[in-house]
Amino acid sequence: MILCDQSEIDGYTKEGVWGQATLDALFRKNVRSYRDEIALSDPPTREKFTCGAARRLTYGQADEIIEDLAAMFRILKLDRDDVVAVQLPNTVELPLLILACFRAGLIISILPTSWRQVELERALNKISPKVLISQYIAGDVDFPDLMRQTTVNVPSIRHILAFGDDVPDGIVAVDKAISFARENDDFIFDAEDKYGSLCANDVAIISWNGSVSPELRPLPRTHNHLISAGFTVLLEASLQNQGSLLCPFSFSGLAALAAFFVPWILTGSSLHLHQPFDRDSFKQQINLEQPTFTGLPAAALPGLAKTVKSGNLDLSCLKALACLWPTFGSRNSSTDINAPLLPPIIDIVSISELAVFSHRRSDNLAINFIPHGECKFPSFTEGAPSLMTTRLKGCAMRNGSAGTMLVGQLMVKGPMICAGWFIPKTDDGEELAPLEADAQGFVATGVKCEIVDEGGPKLKPVDRLNNIIYHGGLAVAAEDLDVIYSEFSGVEHAVAVSVPDPILGERIAAAIVPGSEAGFSYEDFKSFLETRKLAPYKIPYRVIEVKEIQVDEEGVVVRQALET
């Protein structure tokens, strides 16, 4: 499925930033070159949180499993461009499934494991998947059964599969499906014969959220979109071939795909997965795998620096360290991390899930600045390629006695940015609902910035233009939660607000005006929200009691006044 405009394809191809090879084709090239080298490994703690023993796979072994999964998809009679939705932990099954979908000409959507029935139903009905794949994760949720319950209200689904032997009735074990495919799939896989020519401009992944609207929306990304995003990190971090990458992030977001999944394939490295987040096992994996590149949430870096300073962790193996920010302009942006104790830090910022910006840190005060105009990677090399361009859509505003300043909405354009929202295939053909963009094709991000002069014009975030809270990078529509919170009988009025968190960046709290007839009970409030089948992170971990909910002249909640 090619949804990009041909003029866009021609332009980026001529510039040399887009090519023809899919990520699976690049992976198969690695198989030919590094067949007996380690490609993937599980977290050593795998048996503590999911089924099966931890595995270490060579490129040759990984390729065989990918072939098996592709054969399974053929037996399920999936057509090219059908959607497969998965909800999995950070184990080797996830990157293997991603590549199997690429090989079979399918589109994969990776669903956050923090989503529950409400979020899953909304998302799945927007992409109409044919197959759901899940896996047991230790905790109070049976994820395969959650998928089964969700399918009741998602009519497009034909098959539900799960990794592991002990799966609920009505769900097929992946291993059994693979065994059946081996016995019955007489077709020798050849992408050219079966699916026609797959190219890098085909839609590969559907990710979620972004832009100005708080509504949950699917973003279709091609191989070229992903590769362009990955190059921003690969080039800025100077990642070399056959390195060792330790990934403690879920691949449900663009930043993790750009920082780890794509560089893994482009460099023929080994990819070691960590189930987020266990400090002790993370340290053990660093000692065991000796990675050349890893990363942490921005808020976790001070703790890492203290551990290094105490002599309890040696990071001399690292050539660079990624620092992932949940969104551009994060409120919790502590930078006191004793940077000299750490390897070169690459700040990676998600811009409303529409794009990523990475930059080698040289000045703690300018972490959240991005260039106004062309963003070139690597930023420290003359003549580097431009992979994103920014502009400001706004106007001059008064700035006290200093005169005026230019403040407006950040707009972005470039080869990693898709043109619209995904709409499932219908009898009328495929459609793409366009993103909000200006006449030059710059897409609105929903981030409010001002222009500052820091070694050249740069953009500094001021605030978001919309009511979106980024819980650990997951965009949440605050207005949706306002409605649900206020339905509780123990409050007169309630709204969702953001509060800083040392690991997640932001978490969700509730500002409430207690009801007049009875005292407020947090336990009753929590139980009420649980009956609504919300994801746990949408249930506020903290309640702020106020006398009134402040609104502006247009009736919009002033959340900043409630956030403490």
Protein backbone atom coordinates (compact mmCIF):
# COMPACT_ATOMS: atom_id res chain seq x y z
CA MET A 1 0.00 0.00 0.00
CA ILE A 2 1.62 3.21 -1.17
CA LEU A 3 -0.06 6.29 0.28
CA CYS A 4 2.74 8.81 -0.36
CA ASP A 5 2.30 11.29 -3.15
CA GLN A 6 4.46 10.42 -6.14
CA SER A 7 5.99 13.89 -6.23
CA GLU A 8 7.08 13.41 -2.61
CA ILE A 9 8.59 10.00 -3.46
CA ASP A 10 10.43 11.44 -6.45
CA GLY A 11 11.72 14.41 -4.47
CA TYR A 12 13.11 12.51 -1.48
CA THR A 13 14.51 9.78 -3.73
CA LYS A 14 16.34 12.38 -5.82
CA GLU A 15 17.74 13.91 -2.62
CA GLY A 16 19.07 10.48 -1.66
CA VAL A 17 17.21 10.24 1.66
CA TRP A 18 14.70 7.64 0.40
CA GLY A 19 15.60 4.36 -1.30
CA GLN A 20 13.95 1.16 -2.54
CA ALA A 21 15.02 -1.48 0.01
CA THR A 22 12.56 -2.52 2.71
CA LEU A 23 13.72 -3.09 6.26
CA ASP A 24 13.25 -6.83 5.74
CA ALA A 25 15.45 -6.73 2.63
CA LEU A 26 18.13 -4.97 4.70
CA PHE A 27 17.72 -7.59 7.43
CA ARG A 28 18.15 -10.41 4.91
CA LYS A 29 21.33 -8.71 3.72
CA ASN A 30 22.58 -8.93 7.32
CA VAL A 31 21.67 -12.63 7.36
CA ARG A 32 23.92 -13.20 4.36
CA SER A 33 26.78 -11.26 5.95
CA TYR A 34 26.44 -12.18 9.65
CA ARG A 35 24.52 -15.48 9.69
CA ASP A 36 26.28 -16.90 12.76
CA GLU A 37 26.49 -13.63 14.71
CA ILE A 38 24.04 -12.83 17.51
CA ALA A 39 21.08 -10.84 16.20
CA LEU A 40 18.64 -10.84 19.11
CA SER A 41 18.51 -11.71 22.78
CA ASP A 42 15.79 -11.77 25.42
CA PRO A 43 15.98 -10.08 28.80
CA PRO A 44 17.67 -12.54 31.21
CA THR A 45 14.66 -12.01 33.48
CA ARG A 46 12.21 -13.24 30.82
CA GLU A 47 10.87 -16.16 32.87
CA LYS A 48 9.87 -13.74 35.64
CA PHE A 49 7.43 -11.78 33.49
CA THR A 50 6.34 -13.96 30.57
CA CYS A 51 6.26 -17.48 29.17
CA GLY A 52 9.26 -19.32 27.79
CA ALA A 53 12.98 -19.36 28.49
CA ALA A 54 15.26 -16.50 27.47
CA ARG A 55 16.71 -16.95 23.99
CA ARG A 56 19.77 -15.75 22.10
CA LEU A 57 19.31 -15.95 18.34
CA THR A 58 21.84 -15.65 15.55
CA TYR A 59 20.87 -13.86 12.37
CA GLY A 60 20.40 -17.25 10.71
CA GLN A 61 18.15 -18.56 13.50
CA ALA A 62 16.12 -15.34 13.57
CA ASP A 63 15.64 -15.53 9.79
CA GLU A 64 14.28 -19.08 10.05
CA ILE A 65 11.71 -17.99 12.65
CA ILE A 66 10.70 -15.03 10.50
CA GLU A 67 10.15 -17.45 7.58
CA ASP A 68 7.98 -19.63 9.82
CA LEU A 69 5.88 -16.66 10.91
CA ALA A 70 5.48 -15.52 7.31
CA ALA A 71 4.30 -19.04 6.39
CA MET A 72 1.82 -18.86 9.28
CA PHE A 73 0.39 -15.64 7.85
CA ARG A 74 0.00 -17.32 4.45
CA ILE A 75 -1.88 -20.24 6.03
CA LEU A 76 -4.19 -17.71 7.67
CA LYS A 77 -4.93 -16.49 4.13
CA LEU A 78 -3.98 -12.91 4.77
CA ASP A 79 -3.76 -10.61 1.77
CA ARG A 80 -1.16 -8.00 1.09
CA ASP A 81 -1.71 -4.84 3.18
CA ASP A 82 -3.90 -6.60 5.74
CA VAL A 83 -3.30 -5.29 9.25
CA VAL A 84 -1.90 -7.37 12.11
CA ALA A 85 -2.18 -5.86 15.61
CA VAL A 86 0.10 -7.06 18.40
CA GLN A 87 0.37 -6.39 22.13
CA LEU A 88 3.60 -7.91 23.42
CA PRO A 89 6.31 -7.33 26.02
CA ASN A 90 9.94 -6.64 25.13
CA THR A 91 10.92 -10.15 24.05
CA VAL A 92 12.43 -11.48 20.82
CA GLU A 93 8.95 -12.30 19.51
CA LEU A 94 8.20 -8.62 18.89
CA PRO A 95 11.02 -7.71 16.43
CA LEU A 96 10.61 -11.12 14.78
CA LEU A 97 6.90 -10.46 14.22
CA ILE A 98 7.60 -6.98 12.87
CA LEU A 99 9.98 -8.38 10.26
CA ALA A 100 7.65 -11.29 9.44
CA CYS A 101 4.88 -8.81 8.67
CA PHE A 102 7.26 -6.82 6.47
CA ARG A 103 8.27 -10.00 4.65
CA ALA A 104 4.67 -11.05 4.08
CA GLY A 105 3.59 -7.62 2.79
CA LEU A 106 1.42 -6.98 5.85
CA ILE A 107 1.04 -3.88 8.00
CA ILE A 108 1.75 -4.21 11.72
CA SER A 109 0.43 -2.04 14.54
CA ILE A 110 2.19 -2.35 17.90
CA LEU A 111 -0.23 -1.61 20.72
CA PRO A 112 1.07 -0.34 24.10
CA THR A 113 0.82 -2.97 26.84
CA SER A 114 -0.66 -0.29 29.10
CA TRP A 115 -3.82 -0.18 26.98
CA ARG A 116 -6.94 -2.01 28.14
CA GLN A 117 -10.30 -2.77 26.59
CA VAL A 118 -11.48 0.82 26.09
CA GLU A 119 -8.30 1.92 24.32
CA LEU A 120 -7.97 -1.33 22.39
CA GLU A 121 -11.50 -1.20 20.99
CA ARG A 122 -11.10 2.41 19.90
CA ALA A 123 -7.78 1.73 18.22
CA LEU A 124 -8.66 -1.56 16.55
CA ASN A 125 -11.86 -0.23 15.05
CA LYS A 126 -9.81 2.53 13.40
CA ILE A 127 -7.43 0.11 11.63
CA SER A 128 -9.64 -3.00 11.10
CA PRO A 129 -6.99 -5.67 11.74
CA LYS A 130 -7.51 -9.25 10.54
CA VAL A 131 -5.27 -10.79 13.21
CA LEU A 132 -4.50 -10.07 16.87
CA ILE A 133 -1.40 -11.51 18.53
CA SER A 134 -0.71 -11.35 22.26
CA GLN A 135 1.46 -12.91 24.95
CA TYR A 136 1.23 -13.61 28.66
CA ILE A 137 2.68 -10.86 30.86
CA ALA A 138 2.86 -11.33 34.62
CA GLY A 139 0.44 -9.13 36.52
CA ASP A 140 -3.25 -8.74 37.13
CA VAL A 141 -4.25 -8.83 33.44
CA ASP A 142 -4.57 -11.91 31.24
CA PHE A 143 -3.49 -10.29 27.97
CA PRO A 144 -4.57 -13.09 25.60
CA ASP A 145 -7.98 -13.15 27.27
CA LEU A 146 -8.13 -9.34 27.10
CA MET A 147 -7.67 -9.63 23.35
CA ARG A 148 -10.42 -12.24 23.17
CA GLN A 149 -12.85 -10.02 25.08
CA THR A 150 -11.97 -7.03 22.90
CA THR A 151 -12.77 -8.83 19.64
CA VAL A 152 -16.47 -8.92 20.48
CA ASN A 153 -16.75 -5.31 19.36
CA VAL A 154 -14.17 -5.41 16.54
CA PRO A 155 -15.85 -7.16 13.57
CA SER A 156 -12.80 -7.19 11.27
CA ILE A 157 -10.85 -9.73 13.34
CA ARG A 158 -10.60 -13.27 11.94
CA HIS A 159 -7.93 -14.83 14.16
CA ILE A 160 -6.54 -14.36 17.67
CA LEU A 161 -3.15 -15.90 18.41
CA ALA A 162 -0.86 -15.93 21.41
CA PHE A 163 2.67 -17.04 22.17
CA GLY A 164 2.97 -19.78 24.77
CA ASP A 165 1.41 -23.19 25.35
CA ASP A 166 -1.27 -22.39 27.93
CA VAL A 167 -3.61 -20.13 25.96
CA PRO A 168 -7.34 -19.56 26.63
CA ASP A 169 -10.05 -21.32 24.62
CA GLY A 170 -10.73 -19.62 21.31
CA ILE A 171 -7.13 -18.50 20.91
CA VAL A 172 -4.57 -20.33 18.75
CA ALA A 173 -1.05 -20.90 20.06
CA VAL A 174 1.49 -19.42 17.62
CA ASP A 175 3.69 -22.53 17.83
CA LYS A 176 0.77 -24.75 16.79
CA ALA A 177 -0.09 -22.40 13.93
CA ILE A 178 3.53 -22.53 12.75
CA SER A 179 3.58 -26.35 12.94
CA PHE A 180 0.39 -26.49 10.88
CA ALA A 181 1.91 -24.09 8.35
CA ARG A 182 5.05 -26.23 8.02
CA GLU A 183 2.93 -29.30 7.26
CA ASN A 184 0.51 -27.63 4.88
CA ASP A 185 2.27 -24.70 3.26
CA ASP A 186 3.53 -26.08 -0.05
CA PHE A 187 4.24 -22.62 -1.44
CA ILE A 188 7.93 -21.73 -1.46
CA PHE A 189 8.02 -18.18 -0.21
CA ASP A 190 8.97 -15.60 -2.77
CA ALA A 191 7.78 -12.06 -2.20
CA GLU A 192 7.93 -11.27 -5.92
CA ASP A 193 5.67 -14.21 -6.84
CA LYS A 194 3.21 -13.99 -3.94
CA TYR A 195 2.79 -10.30 -3.27
CA GLY A 196 4.34 -8.46 -6.18
CA SER A 197 7.24 -6.13 -5.68
CA LEU A 198 7.40 -4.76 -2.14
CA CYS A 199 9.26 -1.47 -1.85
CA ALA A 200 10.33 0.98 0.79
CA ASN A 201 7.36 3.25 0.05
CA ASP A 202 4.84 0.62 1.15
CA VAL A 203 3.15 1.23 4.49
CA ALA A 204 4.96 -0.91 7.08
CA ILE A 205 3.78 0.15 10.56
CA ILE A 206 0.83 1.97 12.06
CA SER A 207 1.74 3.93 15.16
CA TRP A 208 -0.50 6.11 17.27
CA ASN A 209 -1.30 9.66 18.33
CA GLY A 210 0.38 12.93 17.48
CA SER A 211 -0.52 16.31 16.04
CA VAL A 212 -3.05 18.78 17.35
CA SER A 213 -6.09 16.56 17.81
CA PRO A 214 -6.37 14.71 21.14
CA GLU A 215 -8.33 11.96 19.39
CA LEU A 216 -6.62 8.59 19.10
CA ARG A 217 -5.52 8.32 15.49
CA PRO A 218 -3.40 5.87 13.46
CA LEU A 219 -0.27 7.08 11.65
CA PRO A 220 0.79 4.89 8.68
CA ARG A 221 4.57 4.85 8.28
CA THR A 222 6.49 3.44 5.35
CA HIS A 223 9.91 1.77 5.48
CA ASN A 224 11.39 5.04 4.22
CA HIS A 225 9.69 7.01 6.99
CA LEU A 226 11.16 4.65 9.59
CA ILE A 227 14.61 4.57 8.01
CA SER A 228 14.71 8.39 7.87
CA ALA A 229 13.80 8.59 11.56
CA GLY A 230 16.41 5.97 12.38
CA PHE A 231 19.14 7.85 10.54
CA THR A 232 18.62 10.89 12.80
CA VAL A 233 19.81 8.76 15.73
CA LEU A 234 22.32 6.57 13.91
CA LEU A 235 24.17 9.55 12.47
CA GLU A 236 24.02 11.74 15.57
CA ALA A 237 25.24 8.89 17.80
CA SER A 238 27.88 7.77 15.23
CA LEU A 239 26.72 4.16 15.53
CA GLN A 240 29.02 1.69 13.80
CA ASN A 241 28.40 -1.63 12.07
CA GLN A 242 28.13 -4.76 14.21
CA GLY A 243 27.65 -2.89 17.45
CA SER A 244 25.68 -4.03 20.47
CA LEU A 245 22.40 -2.23 21.29
CA LEU A 246 20.57 -2.58 24.61
CA CYS A 247 16.95 -1.42 24.29
CA PRO A 248 14.85 -0.73 27.41
CA PHE A 249 11.92 0.79 25.49
CA SER A 250 8.78 -0.61 23.91
CA PHE A 251 8.60 -0.40 20.12
CA SER A 252 5.06 1.03 20.25
CA GLY A 253 6.47 4.56 19.83
CA LEU A 254 8.44 6.19 17.02
CA ALA A 255 11.33 7.24 19.28
CA ALA A 256 12.20 3.66 20.28
CA LEU A 257 11.85 2.44 16.69
CA ALA A 258 14.16 5.22 15.52
CA ALA A 259 16.68 4.79 18.33
CA PHE A 260 17.00 1.00 18.40
CA PHE A 261 14.96 -1.08 15.92
CA VAL A 262 16.02 0.72 12.73
CA PRO A 263 19.71 1.21 13.73
CA TRP A 264 19.86 -2.49 14.65
CA ILE A 265 19.02 -3.42 11.08
CA LEU A 266 20.99 -0.66 9.36
CA THR A 267 24.20 -1.53 11.25
CA GLY A 268 23.90 -5.33 11.43
CA SER A 269 24.27 -5.09 15.21
CA SER A 270 23.03 -7.33 18.00
CA LEU A 271 19.84 -6.15 19.71
CA HIS A 272 19.43 -7.01 23.39
CA LEU A 273 15.98 -6.37 24.83
CA HIS A 274 15.14 -5.21 28.34
CA GLN A 275 11.62 -5.31 29.75
CA PRO A 276 11.10 -1.77 31.05
CA PHE A 277 12.18 -1.14 33.69
CA ASP A 278 14.25 -3.03 36.29
CA ARG A 279 17.30 -1.12 37.49
CA ASP A 280 19.19 -4.14 38.81
CA SER A 281 18.64 -6.32 35.75
CA PHE A 282 19.47 -3.36 33.48
CA LYS A 283 22.83 -3.01 35.22
CA GLN A 284 23.37 -6.77 34.88
CA GLN A 285 22.62 -6.62 31.16
CA ILE A 286 25.14 -3.81 30.69
CA ASN A 287 27.78 -5.93 32.41
CA LEU A 288 26.76 -9.04 30.44
CA GLU A 289 26.27 -7.64 26.93
CA GLN A 290 28.79 -4.77 27.00
CA PRO A 291 26.57 -2.65 24.73
CA THR A 292 27.99 0.10 22.59
CA PHE A 293 24.66 2.00 22.74
CA THR A 294 21.76 2.04 25.15
CA GLY A 295 19.33 4.59 26.56
CA LEU A 296 17.13 5.65 29.43
CA PRO A 297 14.19 7.98 30.03
CA ALA A 298 15.48 11.48 30.61
CA ALA A 299 14.34 11.52 34.22
CA ALA A 300 16.33 8.34 35.02
CA LEU A 301 19.73 9.72 33.97
CA PRO A 302 20.55 11.44 37.30
CA GLY A 303 20.20 8.08 39.07
CA LEU A 304 22.44 6.41 36.49
CA ALA A 305 25.11 9.07 36.94
CA LYS A 306 25.04 8.54 40.73
CA THR A 307 25.46 4.80 40.24
CA VAL A 308 28.47 5.38 37.98
CA LYS A 309 29.97 7.88 40.42
CA SER A 310 29.65 5.37 43.26
CA GLY A 311 31.72 2.88 41.29
CA ASN A 312 28.88 0.35 41.04
CA LEU A 313 28.60 0.50 37.24
CA ASP A 314 31.19 0.71 34.47
CA LEU A 315 29.93 2.35 31.26
CA SER A 316 33.24 2.35 29.41
CA CYS A 317 31.74 -0.02 26.81
CA LEU A 318 29.28 2.63 25.65
CA LYS A 319 30.09 4.83 22.69
CA ALA A 320 26.91 6.87 23.25
CA LEU A 321 23.92 6.98 25.59
CA ALA A 322 20.42 7.88 24.43
CA CYS A 323 18.29 10.13 26.60
CA LEU A 324 14.64 9.81 25.51
CA TRP A 325 12.25 12.62 26.31
CA PRO A 326 8.52 11.76 26.28
CA THR A 327 7.68 14.87 24.29
CA PHE A 328 9.18 18.14 23.15
CA GLY A 329 9.14 20.59 26.04
CA SER A 330 8.78 18.06 28.86
CA ARG A 331 7.92 19.74 32.15
CA ASN A 332 10.21 17.52 34.19
CA SER A 333 13.54 18.34 32.56
CA SER A 334 16.16 18.05 35.28
CA THR A 335 19.62 18.07 33.69
CA ASP A 336 21.87 17.80 36.76
CA ILE A 337 23.40 14.48 35.78
CA ASN A 338 27.18 14.88 36.17
CA ALA A 339 27.52 14.49 32.40
CA PRO A 340 31.35 14.07 32.48
CA LEU A 341 30.79 10.69 34.18
CA LEU A 342 28.75 9.44 31.23
CA PRO A 343 29.50 8.72 27.56
CA PRO A 344 28.30 11.22 24.93
CA ILE A 345 24.58 11.80 25.50
CA ILE A 346 22.18 11.83 22.55
CA ASP A 347 18.96 13.63 23.46
CA ILE A 348 16.07 12.12 21.50
CA VAL A 349 12.82 14.07 21.57
CA SER A 350 9.47 12.87 20.31
CA ILE A 351 7.62 15.70 18.61
CA SER A 352 3.99 14.75 19.16
CA GLU A 353 4.82 11.26 17.73
CA LEU A 354 5.00 12.88 14.29
CA ALA A 355 8.78 13.08 14.17
CA VAL A 356 11.88 12.61 16.31
CA PHE A 357 14.73 15.04 16.81
CA SER A 358 18.08 13.81 18.12
CA HIS A 359 21.03 15.94 19.15
CA ARG A 360 24.42 15.27 20.72
CA ARG A 361 24.34 17.13 24.03
CA SER A 362 26.88 19.88 24.44
CA ASP A 363 24.98 22.37 26.58
CA ASN A 364 22.52 21.35 29.28
CA LEU A 365 20.72 24.67 28.96
CA ALA A 366 19.82 24.01 25.31
CA ILE A 367 18.55 20.42 25.60
CA ASN A 368 15.04 21.24 24.46
CA PHE A 369 15.99 23.63 21.66
CA ILE A 370 15.73 22.59 18.02
CA PRO A 371 16.91 24.52 14.96
CA HIS A 372 14.56 26.91 13.22
CA GLY A 373 14.80 25.76 9.62
CA GLU A 374 16.79 22.77 8.40
CA CYS A 375 17.72 20.06 10.94
CA LYS A 376 20.82 18.26 9.70
CA PHE A 377 22.26 14.99 10.94
CA PRO A 378 24.85 14.62 12.26
CA SER A 379 24.61 18.16 13.55
CA PHE A 380 28.37 18.44 14.07
CA THR A 381 29.35 17.69 10.46
CA GLU A 382 29.47 20.14 7.58
CA GLY A 383 27.25 19.27 4.62
CA ALA A 384 25.16 16.74 6.55
CA PRO A 385 21.79 15.72 5.08
CA SER A 386 18.63 17.51 6.20
CA LEU A 387 16.06 15.05 7.61
CA MET A 388 13.58 17.59 9.03
CA THR A 389 12.70 21.24 8.52
CA THR A 390 10.88 23.39 11.06
CA ARG A 391 9.01 26.64 10.92
CA LEU A 392 6.86 28.69 13.26
CA LYS A 393 3.27 29.51 12.50
CA GLY A 394 2.43 32.41 14.74
CA CYS A 395 2.73 36.10 15.39
CA ALA A 396 4.72 38.65 17.38
CA MET A 397 3.61 38.91 21.01
CA ARG A 398 4.40 41.42 23.75
CA ASN A 399 7.25 40.38 26.04
CA GLY A 400 7.08 43.00 28.76
CA SER A 401 9.76 45.68 28.66
CA ALA A 402 11.81 43.54 26.26
CA GLY A 403 9.46 44.40 23.42
CA THR A 404 8.02 41.60 21.31
CA MET A 405 8.81 37.95 20.68
CA LEU A 406 7.67 35.55 17.98
CA VAL A 407 5.52 32.79 19.44
CA GLY A 408 3.46 30.25 17.56
CA GLN A 409 2.86 26.65 16.67
CA LEU A 410 5.77 24.41 15.68
CA MET A 411 5.33 23.08 12.13
CA VAL A 412 7.50 20.27 10.74
CA LYS A 413 8.24 18.77 7.35
CA GLY A 414 10.58 16.02 6.21
CA PRO A 415 11.11 12.44 5.03
CA MET A 416 10.11 10.82 8.34
CA ILE A 417 6.70 12.50 8.51
CA CYS A 418 3.65 10.78 7.06
CA ALA A 419 0.99 12.80 5.30
CA GLY A 420 -2.15 11.72 7.10
CA TRP A 421 -4.16 9.33 9.23
CA PHE A 422 -4.74 5.75 8.14
CA ILE A 423 -8.22 4.73 6.95
CA PRO A 424 -8.84 0.98 6.39
CA LYS A 425 -9.21 -0.37 2.89
CA THR A 426 -12.79 -0.28 1.59
CA ASP A 427 -14.53 -1.12 -1.66
CA ASP A 428 -13.76 2.44 -2.74
CA GLY A 429 -10.03 1.88 -2.22
CA GLU A 430 -7.57 3.12 0.40
CA GLU A 431 -7.83 6.61 1.78
CA LEU A 432 -5.65 8.89 3.84
CA ALA A 433 -7.14 11.59 6.01
CA PRO A 434 -4.65 14.46 5.68
CA LEU A 435 -2.92 15.96 8.69
CA GLU A 436 -3.34 19.67 9.40
CA ALA A 437 -0.73 21.27 7.16
CA ASP A 438 0.03 24.61 5.55
CA ALA A 439 0.39 25.34 1.84
CA GLN A 440 4.08 24.33 1.86
CA GLY A 441 3.32 20.93 3.42
CA PHE A 442 4.48 21.72 6.96
CA VAL A 443 2.47 19.67 9.49
CA ALA A 444 1.09 21.11 12.73
CA THR A 445 2.51 19.53 15.90
CA GLY A 446 0.36 21.12 18.59
CA VAL A 447 3.47 22.47 20.35
CA LYS A 448 3.76 26.17 21.12
CA CYS A 449 7.27 27.60 20.67
CA GLU A 450 9.16 30.86 20.67
CA ILE A 451 12.19 31.80 18.58
CA VAL A 452 15.37 32.35 20.58
CA ASP A 453 18.88 33.28 19.48
CA GLU A 454 21.17 30.54 20.78
CA GLY A 455 24.02 30.28 18.29
CA GLY A 456 21.55 30.82 15.48
CA PRO A 457 17.76 30.95 15.49
CA LYS A 458 16.29 28.06 17.49
CA LEU A 459 12.87 27.07 18.72
CA LYS A 460 12.17 26.74 22.42
CA PRO A 461 8.95 25.07 23.61
CA VAL A 462 6.60 27.26 25.58
CA ASP A 463 3.54 25.05 25.99
CA ARG A 464 1.27 22.67 24.13
CA LEU A 465 -1.61 24.21 22.26
CA ASN A 466 -3.98 21.40 23.14
CA ASN A 467 -5.16 19.47 26.17
CA ILE A 468 -2.92 16.44 25.78
CA ILE A 469 -1.05 14.82 28.66
CA TYR A 470 1.97 12.68 27.80
CA HIS A 471 2.09 9.84 30.31
CA GLY A 472 5.49 8.27 29.66
CA GLY A 473 5.21 9.42 26.05
CA LEU A 474 1.67 8.08 25.55
CA ALA A 475 -0.63 10.90 24.47
CA VAL A 476 -3.84 11.12 26.50
CA ALA A 477 -6.78 13.37 25.69
CA ALA A 478 -7.35 15.21 28.97
CA GLU A 479 -10.82 16.38 27.92
CA ASP A 480 -11.99 12.77 27.53
CA LEU A 481 -10.89 12.04 31.09
CA ASP A 482 -12.60 15.22 32.35
CA VAL A 483 -15.94 13.82 31.24
CA ILE A 484 -15.37 10.42 32.85
CA TYR A 485 -13.95 11.79 36.11
CA SER A 486 -16.86 14.22 36.51
CA GLU A 487 -19.40 11.39 36.20
CA PHE A 488 -18.37 10.13 39.65
CA SER A 489 -21.07 11.01 42.16
CA GLY A 490 -18.57 12.04 44.82
CA VAL A 491 -17.39 15.11 42.91
CA GLU A 492 -18.98 18.32 41.79
CA HIS A 493 -16.39 18.79 39.04
CA ALA A 494 -13.17 16.96 38.13
CA VAL A 495 -10.50 17.33 35.45
CA ALA A 496 -7.31 15.52 34.47
CA VAL A 497 -4.01 17.30 35.03
CA SER A 498 -0.33 16.52 34.51
CA VAL A 499 2.20 16.22 37.32
CA PRO A 500 5.96 15.52 37.02
CA ASP A 501 7.26 11.99 37.45
CA PRO A 502 10.96 11.04 37.91
CA ILE A 503 10.75 8.14 35.44
CA LEU A 504 7.75 8.71 33.16
CA GLY A 505 8.20 12.44 32.72
CA GLU A 506 4.49 13.10 33.32
CA ARG A 507 1.74 11.23 35.13
CA ILE A 508 -1.99 11.79 35.35
CA ALA A 509 -3.60 13.25 38.42
CA ALA A 510 -7.12 14.57 39.03
CA ALA A 511 -8.07 18.01 40.27
CA ILE A 512 -11.47 17.68 41.94
CA VAL A 513 -14.08 19.85 43.57
CA PRO A 514 -15.59 17.47 46.16
CA GLY A 515 -19.33 16.93 46.18
CA SER A 516 -21.27 18.89 48.80
CA GLU A 517 -23.33 16.01 50.17
CA ALA A 518 -20.61 13.55 51.16
CA GLY A 519 -16.86 13.47 51.61
CA PHE A 520 -14.65 12.37 48.76
CA SER A 521 -13.36 8.77 48.80
CA TYR A 522 -10.37 8.00 46.57
CA GLU A 523 -11.00 4.25 46.81
CA ASP A 524 -14.60 4.69 45.62
CA PHE A 525 -13.38 6.97 42.86
CA LYS A 526 -10.78 4.41 41.76
CA SER A 527 -13.33 1.57 41.82
CA PHE A 528 -15.71 3.64 39.71
CA LEU A 529 -13.02 4.24 37.09
CA GLU A 530 -12.00 0.57 37.06
CA THR A 531 -15.56 -0.40 36.16
CA ARG A 532 -15.18 1.81 33.08
CA LYS A 533 -12.35 -0.51 31.93
CA LEU A 534 -9.85 2.30 31.54
CA ALA A 535 -6.14 1.60 31.21
CA PRO A 536 -4.51 1.75 34.67
CA TYR A 537 -2.40 4.81 33.80
CA LYS A 538 -5.60 6.80 33.19
CA ILE A 539 -6.70 6.22 36.77
CA PRO A 540 -5.15 9.16 38.62
CA TYR A 541 -2.51 8.09 41.11
CA ARG A 542 -3.05 11.34 42.98
CA VAL A 543 -6.00 13.64 43.68
CA ILE A 544 -5.72 17.40 44.18
CA GLU A 545 -8.71 18.90 45.99
CA VAL A 546 -9.52 22.46 44.92
CA LYS A 547 -12.30 24.94 45.58
CA GLU A 548 -12.96 25.55 41.90
CA ILE A 549 -11.78 24.55 38.43
CA GLN A 550 -10.43 27.65 36.73
CA VAL A 551 -11.39 28.26 33.08
CA ASP A 552 -10.40 31.00 30.65
CA GLU A 553 -12.67 33.43 28.82
CA GLU A 554 -13.49 30.74 26.25
CA GLY A 555 -14.44 28.21 28.89
CA VAL A 556 -11.28 26.10 28.46
CA VAL A 557 -9.83 24.58 31.63
CA VAL A 558 -6.60 26.28 32.73
CA ARG A 559 -4.78 23.11 33.70
CA GLN A 560 -1.48 24.79 34.46
CA ALA A 561 -3.11 26.59 37.39
CA LEU A 562 -4.09 23.20 38.87
CA GLU A 563 -0.80 21.36 38.34
CA THR A 564 1.47 21.33 41.36
